[in-house]
Amino acid sequence: MDINRTEQLVFGLTCVNYTMRCLLLSSVFILYPALMSAENAFPPTAPGVAEVKTLPAGVLLKSTGQGSYFDESNGLFRPLFRYISSRDIAMTTPVEISIENAAMFFWVAPSEVAKVNGDADGVKVIRMAERQVASRGERGGYSQANFEKTRDELLAWLLVQPEIMAAGEPYAVYWNGPFTPWFLKRYEVHVPVHPR
């Protein structure tokens, strides 16, 4: 076999190998969210849409920190993950985030509530009543800039709604885990509301 033929063969195999790796990586990015799906506590708001929706009553687990969520996010997740892991509680989506007074909330599926056995290790059990919120859905990374942009759009929309008004502070709602690529992530901003 001459050198040109060998080089062509090696180059061809390299291209096939590269193409296979690209296809495999693409399929992981596409399938990962479906493979890692969890029970939803409530339906998501579509990206680019603002709406009013009712969130169900439920049990939530709360972890708190100091300052802004964007400074404390890793410290908030760990106690919640330890709590659900040690009790074999299935993960649900979404996760709710209080931004200014750093806090993270995990929803507990109704089928898993019996496994919750009180506050422990920095996690507080919250029984939340049904509530009505204004919601705006979006796609993108879970950054402070994205939160602030979506919050401002939601508050502007809320100002022109004749039937409802804000009844609390805006907070973030994150639907995807940390390994989901930013361009596949979905999030919402919620504001509690009540009638005018």
C-alpha atoms as a PDB file:
ATOM      1  CA  MET A   1       0.000   0.000   0.000  1.00  0.00           C
ATOM      2  CA  ASP A   2       1.505   3.359  -0.939  1.00  0.00           C
ATOM      3  CA  ILE A   3       1.692   6.344   1.458  1.00  0.00           C
ATOM      4  CA  ASN A   4      -1.050   8.359  -0.277  1.00  0.00           C
ATOM      5  CA  ARG A   5      -3.476   5.458   0.023  1.00  0.00           C
ATOM      6  CA  THR A   6      -2.592   5.017   3.727  1.00  0.00           C
ATOM      7  CA  GLU A   7      -3.056   8.739   4.396  1.00  0.00           C
ATOM      8  CA  GLN A   8      -6.430   8.681   2.645  1.00  0.00           C
ATOM      9  CA  LEU A   9      -7.521   5.674   4.689  1.00  0.00           C
ATOM     10  CA  VAL A  10      -6.428   7.284   7.997  1.00  0.00           C
ATOM     11  CA  PHE A  11      -8.097  10.564   7.032  1.00  0.00           C
ATOM     12  CA  GLY A  12     -11.312   8.736   6.099  1.00  0.00           C
ATOM     13  CA  LEU A  13     -11.378   6.836   9.396  1.00  0.00           C
ATOM     14  CA  THR A  14     -10.711  10.069  11.301  1.00  0.00           C
ATOM     15  CA  CYS A  15     -13.660  11.768   9.555  1.00  0.00           C
ATOM     16  CA  VAL A  16     -15.949   8.813  10.298  1.00  0.00           C
ATOM     17  CA  ASN A  17     -14.801   8.797  13.930  1.00  0.00           C
ATOM     18  CA  TYR A  18     -15.391  12.565  14.226  1.00  0.00           C
ATOM     19  CA  THR A  19     -18.835  12.284  12.605  1.00  0.00           C
ATOM     20  CA  MET A  20     -19.838   9.456  14.955  1.00  0.00           C
ATOM     21  CA  ARG A  21     -18.697  11.450  17.988  1.00  0.00           C
ATOM     22  CA  CYS A  22     -20.671  14.495  16.808  1.00  0.00           C
ATOM     23  CA  LEU A  23     -23.807  12.391  16.281  1.00  0.00           C
ATOM     24  CA  LEU A  24     -23.419  10.761  19.683  1.00  0.00           C
ATOM     25  CA  LEU A  25     -22.899  14.098  21.426  1.00  0.00           C
ATOM     26  CA  SER A  26     -25.881  15.633  19.600  1.00  0.00           C
ATOM     27  CA  SER A  27     -28.121  12.746  20.608  1.00  0.00           C
ATOM     28  CA  VAL A  28     -27.051  13.127  24.253  1.00  0.00           C
ATOM     29  CA  PHE A  29     -27.969  16.839  24.176  1.00  0.00           C
ATOM     30  CA  ILE A  30     -31.329  16.054  22.603  1.00  0.00           C
ATOM     31  CA  LEU A  31     -32.210  12.995  24.689  1.00  0.00           C
ATOM     32  CA  TYR A  32     -30.735  14.022  28.058  1.00  0.00           C
ATOM     33  CA  PRO A  33     -33.688  16.169  29.171  1.00  0.00           C
ATOM     34  CA  ALA A  34     -36.110  13.347  28.341  1.00  0.00           C
ATOM     35  CA  LEU A  35     -33.970  10.721  30.064  1.00  0.00           C
ATOM     36  CA  MET A  36     -33.652  12.857  33.177  1.00  0.00           C
ATOM     37  CA  SER A  37     -37.309  13.864  33.260  1.00  0.00           C
ATOM     38  CA  ALA A  38     -39.013  14.097  36.599  1.00  0.00           C
ATOM     39  CA  GLU A  39     -42.598  14.540  37.661  1.00  0.00           C
ATOM     40  CA  ASN A  40     -43.801  18.115  37.098  1.00  0.00           C
ATOM     41  CA  ALA A  41     -45.448  19.895  40.030  1.00  0.00           C
ATOM     42  CA  PHE A  42     -47.416  22.012  37.529  1.00  0.00           C
ATOM     43  CA  PRO A  43     -47.369  22.651  33.757  1.00  0.00           C
ATOM     44  CA  PRO A  44     -44.635  24.953  32.419  1.00  0.00           C
ATOM     45  CA  THR A  45     -45.378  28.291  30.781  1.00  0.00           C
ATOM     46  CA  ALA A  46     -44.295  28.284  27.132  1.00  0.00           C
ATOM     47  CA  PRO A  47     -41.251  30.406  26.218  1.00  0.00           C
ATOM     48  CA  GLY A  48     -42.192  33.972  25.299  1.00  0.00           C
ATOM     49  CA  VAL A  49     -45.645  33.678  26.902  1.00  0.00           C
ATOM     50  CA  ALA A  50     -47.017  35.566  29.913  1.00  0.00           C
ATOM     51  CA  GLU A  51     -50.023  34.103  31.699  1.00  0.00           C
ATOM     52  CA  VAL A  52     -51.798  33.764  35.022  1.00  0.00           C
ATOM     53  CA  LYS A  53     -51.862  30.272  36.467  1.00  0.00           C
ATOM     54  CA  THR A  54     -52.788  28.513  39.660  1.00  0.00           C
ATOM     55  CA  LEU A  55     -50.079  26.502  41.391  1.00  0.00           C
ATOM     56  CA  PRO A  56     -51.338  23.514  43.376  1.00  0.00           C
ATOM     57  CA  ALA A  57     -51.070  23.145  47.117  1.00  0.00           C
ATOM     58  CA  GLY A  58     -48.121  20.975  48.052  1.00  0.00           C
ATOM     59  CA  VAL A  59     -45.149  20.148  50.232  1.00  0.00           C
ATOM     60  CA  LEU A  60     -41.900  21.937  49.422  1.00  0.00           C
ATOM     61  CA  LEU A  61     -38.428  21.570  50.894  1.00  0.00           C
ATOM     62  CA  LYS A  62     -36.567  24.844  51.516  1.00  0.00           C
ATOM     63  CA  SER A  63     -32.853  25.594  51.849  1.00  0.00           C
ATOM     64  CA  THR A  64     -31.712  29.151  52.645  1.00  0.00           C
ATOM     65  CA  GLY A  65     -28.504  31.155  52.341  1.00  0.00           C
ATOM     66  CA  GLN A  66     -27.195  34.695  52.786  1.00  0.00           C
ATOM     67  CA  GLY A  67     -27.540  37.427  50.165  1.00  0.00           C
ATOM     68  CA  SER A  68     -28.432  36.794  46.531  1.00  0.00           C
ATOM     69  CA  TYR A  69     -29.217  33.407  45.018  1.00  0.00           C
ATOM     70  CA  PHE A  70     -26.622  34.036  42.326  1.00  0.00           C
ATOM     71  CA  ASP A  71     -23.936  34.088  45.032  1.00  0.00           C
ATOM     72  CA  GLU A  72     -25.282  31.052  46.937  1.00  0.00           C
ATOM     73  CA  SER A  73     -26.726  28.599  44.375  1.00  0.00           C
ATOM     74  CA  ASN A  74     -24.387  25.650  45.013  1.00  0.00           C
ATOM     75  CA  GLY A  75     -24.722  26.012  48.767  1.00  0.00           C
ATOM     76  CA  LEU A  76     -28.519  25.884  48.482  1.00  0.00           C
ATOM     77  CA  PHE A  77     -28.721  22.769  46.326  1.00  0.00           C
ATOM     78  CA  ARG A  78     -26.529  20.449  48.401  1.00  0.00           C
ATOM     79  CA  PRO A  79     -28.681  20.284  51.589  1.00  0.00           C
ATOM     80  CA  LEU A  80     -31.822  19.658  49.515  1.00  0.00           C
ATOM     81  CA  PHE A  81     -30.153  16.937  47.483  1.00  0.00           C
ATOM     82  CA  ARG A  82     -28.831  15.247  50.640  1.00  0.00           C
ATOM     83  CA  TYR A  83     -32.305  15.400  52.191  1.00  0.00           C
ATOM     84  CA  ILE A  84     -34.106  13.760  49.257  1.00  0.00           C
ATOM     85  CA  SER A  85     -31.301  11.246  48.629  1.00  0.00           C
ATOM     86  CA  SER A  86     -31.192  10.052  52.243  1.00  0.00           C
ATOM     87  CA  ARG A  87     -34.973   9.515  52.214  1.00  0.00           C
ATOM     88  CA  ASP A  88     -35.208   8.067  48.701  1.00  0.00           C
ATOM     89  CA  ILE A  89     -37.520  10.911  47.592  1.00  0.00           C
ATOM     90  CA  ALA A  90     -37.850  11.221  43.821  1.00  0.00           C
ATOM     91  CA  MET A  91     -36.785  14.501  42.240  1.00  0.00           C
ATOM     92  CA  THR A  92     -39.555  16.696  40.818  1.00  0.00           C
ATOM     93  CA  THR A  93     -39.506  19.787  38.658  1.00  0.00           C
ATOM     94  CA  PRO A  94     -39.418  22.701  38.735  1.00  0.00           C
ATOM     95  CA  VAL A  95     -37.181  24.189  41.419  1.00  0.00           C
ATOM     96  CA  GLU A  96     -38.310  27.564  42.782  1.00  0.00           C
ATOM     97  CA  ILE A  97     -35.702  30.208  43.619  1.00  0.00           C
ATOM     98  CA  SER A  98     -36.000  33.260  45.859  1.00  0.00           C
ATOM     99  CA  ILE A  99     -33.432  35.655  44.399  1.00  0.00           C
ATOM    100  CA  GLU A 100     -32.794  38.487  46.889  1.00  0.00           C
ATOM    101  CA  ASN A 101     -33.066  36.402  50.061  1.00  0.00           C
ATOM    102  CA  ALA A 102     -31.319  33.328  48.694  1.00  0.00           C
ATOM    103  CA  ALA A 103     -33.556  30.283  48.985  1.00  0.00           C
ATOM    104  CA  MET A 104     -34.220  27.189  46.903  1.00  0.00           C
ATOM    105  CA  PHE A 105     -37.413  25.130  47.041  1.00  0.00           C
ATOM    106  CA  PHE A 106     -37.884  21.526  45.860  1.00  0.00           C
ATOM    107  CA  TRP A 107     -41.417  20.301  45.272  1.00  0.00           C
ATOM    108  CA  VAL A 108     -42.253  16.900  46.771  1.00  0.00           C
ATOM    109  CA  ALA A 109     -44.493  14.718  44.595  1.00  0.00           C
ATOM    110  CA  PRO A 110     -47.776  13.761  46.307  1.00  0.00           C
ATOM    111  CA  SER A 111     -46.748  10.092  46.097  1.00  0.00           C
ATOM    112  CA  GLU A 112     -43.520  10.897  48.033  1.00  0.00           C
ATOM    113  CA  VAL A 113     -44.924  13.060  50.871  1.00  0.00           C
ATOM    114  CA  ALA A 114     -44.979  10.153  53.350  1.00  0.00           C
ATOM    115  CA  LYS A 115     -41.156  10.001  53.101  1.00  0.00           C
ATOM    116  CA  VAL A 116     -40.802  13.580  54.384  1.00  0.00           C
ATOM    117  CA  ASN A 117     -40.147  13.392  58.117  1.00  0.00           C
ATOM    118  CA  GLY A 118     -39.569  16.952  59.288  1.00  0.00           C
ATOM    119  CA  ASP A 119     -36.889  19.614  59.157  1.00  0.00           C
ATOM    120  CA  ALA A 120     -33.279  18.389  59.121  1.00  0.00           C
ATOM    121  CA  ASP A 121     -29.747  19.445  58.167  1.00  0.00           C
ATOM    122  CA  GLY A 122     -30.609  22.968  56.984  1.00  0.00           C
ATOM    123  CA  VAL A 123     -33.788  21.911  55.157  1.00  0.00           C
ATOM    124  CA  LYS A 124     -37.184  23.188  56.254  1.00  0.00           C
ATOM    125  CA  VAL A 125     -40.456  21.486  55.277  1.00  0.00           C
ATOM    126  CA  ILE A 126     -43.051  23.964  53.964  1.00  0.00           C
ATOM    127  CA  ARG A 127     -46.718  23.177  53.393  1.00  0.00           C
ATOM    128  CA  MET A 128     -47.797  25.583  50.676  1.00  0.00           C
ATOM    129  CA  ALA A 129     -51.415  26.478  49.954  1.00  0.00           C
ATOM    130  CA  GLU A 130     -52.719  26.787  46.395  1.00  0.00           C
ATOM    131  CA  ARG A 131     -51.605  30.114  44.933  1.00  0.00           C
ATOM    132  CA  GLN A 132     -52.112  32.215  41.857  1.00  0.00           C
ATOM    133  CA  VAL A 133     -49.122  33.677  39.997  1.00  0.00           C
ATOM    134  CA  ALA A 134     -48.341  35.685  36.903  1.00  0.00           C
ATOM    135  CA  SER A 135     -45.767  33.700  34.927  1.00  0.00           C
ATOM    136  CA  ARG A 136     -43.498  34.372  31.967  1.00  0.00           C
ATOM    137  CA  GLY A 137     -41.662  31.476  30.340  1.00  0.00           C
ATOM    138  CA  GLU A 138     -38.302  31.694  28.563  1.00  0.00           C
ATOM    139  CA  ARG A 139     -35.364  29.643  27.267  1.00  0.00           C
ATOM    140  CA  GLY A 140     -31.711  30.132  28.160  1.00  0.00           C
ATOM    141  CA  GLY A 141     -29.171  29.911  30.935  1.00  0.00           C
ATOM    142  CA  TYR A 142     -30.056  30.499  34.567  1.00  0.00           C
ATOM    143  CA  SER A 143     -28.210  33.803  34.830  1.00  0.00           C
ATOM    144  CA  GLN A 144     -28.946  36.976  36.729  1.00  0.00           C
ATOM    145  CA  ALA A 145     -29.225  38.902  33.434  1.00  0.00           C
ATOM    146  CA  ASN A 146     -31.851  36.469  32.072  1.00  0.00           C
ATOM    147  CA  PHE A 147     -33.805  36.588  35.338  1.00  0.00           C
ATOM    148  CA  GLU A 148     -33.810  40.408  35.401  1.00  0.00           C
ATOM    149  CA  LYS A 149     -34.829  40.718  31.727  1.00  0.00           C
ATOM    150  CA  THR A 150     -37.693  38.247  32.118  1.00  0.00           C
ATOM    151  CA  ARG A 151     -38.756  39.780  35.451  1.00  0.00           C
ATOM    152  CA  ASP A 152     -38.938  43.245  33.860  1.00  0.00           C
ATOM    153  CA  GLU A 153     -40.988  41.921  30.917  1.00  0.00           C
ATOM    154  CA  LEU A 154     -43.381  40.150  33.289  1.00  0.00           C
ATOM    155  CA  LEU A 155     -43.826  43.209  35.522  1.00  0.00           C
ATOM    156  CA  ALA A 156     -44.523  45.406  32.459  1.00  0.00           C
ATOM    157  CA  TRP A 157     -47.141  42.877  31.290  1.00  0.00           C
ATOM    158  CA  LEU A 158     -48.670  42.736  34.770  1.00  0.00           C
ATOM    159  CA  LEU A 159     -49.077  46.526  34.919  1.00  0.00           C
ATOM    160  CA  VAL A 160     -51.542  46.481  32.017  1.00  0.00           C
ATOM    161  CA  GLN A 161     -53.668  43.594  33.322  1.00  0.00           C
ATOM    162  CA  PRO A 162     -56.952  45.094  34.530  1.00  0.00           C
ATOM    163  CA  GLU A 163     -58.066  42.188  36.744  1.00  0.00           C
ATOM    164  CA  ILE A 164     -54.942  41.396  38.812  1.00  0.00           C
ATOM    165  CA  MET A 165     -52.041  43.018  40.621  1.00  0.00           C
ATOM    166  CA  ALA A 166     -48.767  41.900  42.185  1.00  0.00           C
ATOM    167  CA  ALA A 167     -49.032  40.458  45.703  1.00  0.00           C
ATOM    168  CA  GLY A 168     -45.386  39.576  46.315  1.00  0.00           C
ATOM    169  CA  GLU A 169     -41.830  39.565  44.998  1.00  0.00           C
ATOM    170  CA  PRO A 170     -40.780  38.015  41.671  1.00  0.00           C
ATOM    171  CA  TYR A 171     -38.940  34.693  41.891  1.00  0.00           C
ATOM    172  CA  ALA A 172     -37.335  32.275  39.436  1.00  0.00           C
ATOM    173  CA  VAL A 173     -38.583  28.829  38.428  1.00  0.00           C
ATOM    174  CA  TYR A 174     -36.009  26.486  36.863  1.00  0.00           C
ATOM    175  CA  TRP A 175     -37.103  23.404  34.924  1.00  0.00           C
ATOM    176  CA  ASN A 176     -33.808  21.720  33.987  1.00  0.00           C
ATOM    177  CA  GLY A 177     -30.803  20.302  35.783  1.00  0.00           C
ATOM    178  CA  PRO A 178     -27.276  21.685  35.689  1.00  0.00           C
ATOM    179  CA  PHE A 179     -26.092  19.339  32.921  1.00  0.00           C
ATOM    180  CA  THR A 180     -28.704  20.510  30.408  1.00  0.00           C
ATOM    181  CA  PRO A 181     -27.057  22.757  27.786  1.00  0.00           C
ATOM    182  CA  TRP A 182     -28.032  26.421  28.215  1.00  0.00           C
ATOM    183  CA  PHE A 183     -29.820  26.536  24.856  1.00  0.00           C
ATOM    184  CA  LEU A 184     -32.173  23.720  25.943  1.00  0.00           C
ATOM    185  CA  LYS A 185     -32.916  25.105  29.414  1.00  0.00           C
ATOM    186  CA  ARG A 186     -36.361  26.472  30.238  1.00  0.00           C
ATOM    187  CA  TYR A 187     -37.174  28.828  33.044  1.00  0.00           C
ATOM    188  CA  GLU A 188     -39.945  31.107  34.269  1.00  0.00           C
ATOM    189  CA  VAL A 189     -40.325  34.143  36.443  1.00  0.00           C
ATOM    190  CA  HIS A 190     -43.365  34.176  38.745  1.00  0.00           C
ATOM    191  CA  VAL A 191     -45.016  36.975  40.691  1.00  0.00           C
ATOM    192  CA  PRO A 192     -47.756  36.130  43.208  1.00  0.00           C
ATOM    193  CA  VAL A 193     -50.974  37.966  42.259  1.00  0.00           C
ATOM    194  CA  HIS A 194     -54.438  38.730  43.617  1.00  0.00           C
ATOM    195  CA  PRO A 195     -57.515  40.482  42.193  1.00  0.00           C
ATOM    196  CA  ARG A 196     -57.530  44.301  41.992  1.00  0.00           C
END
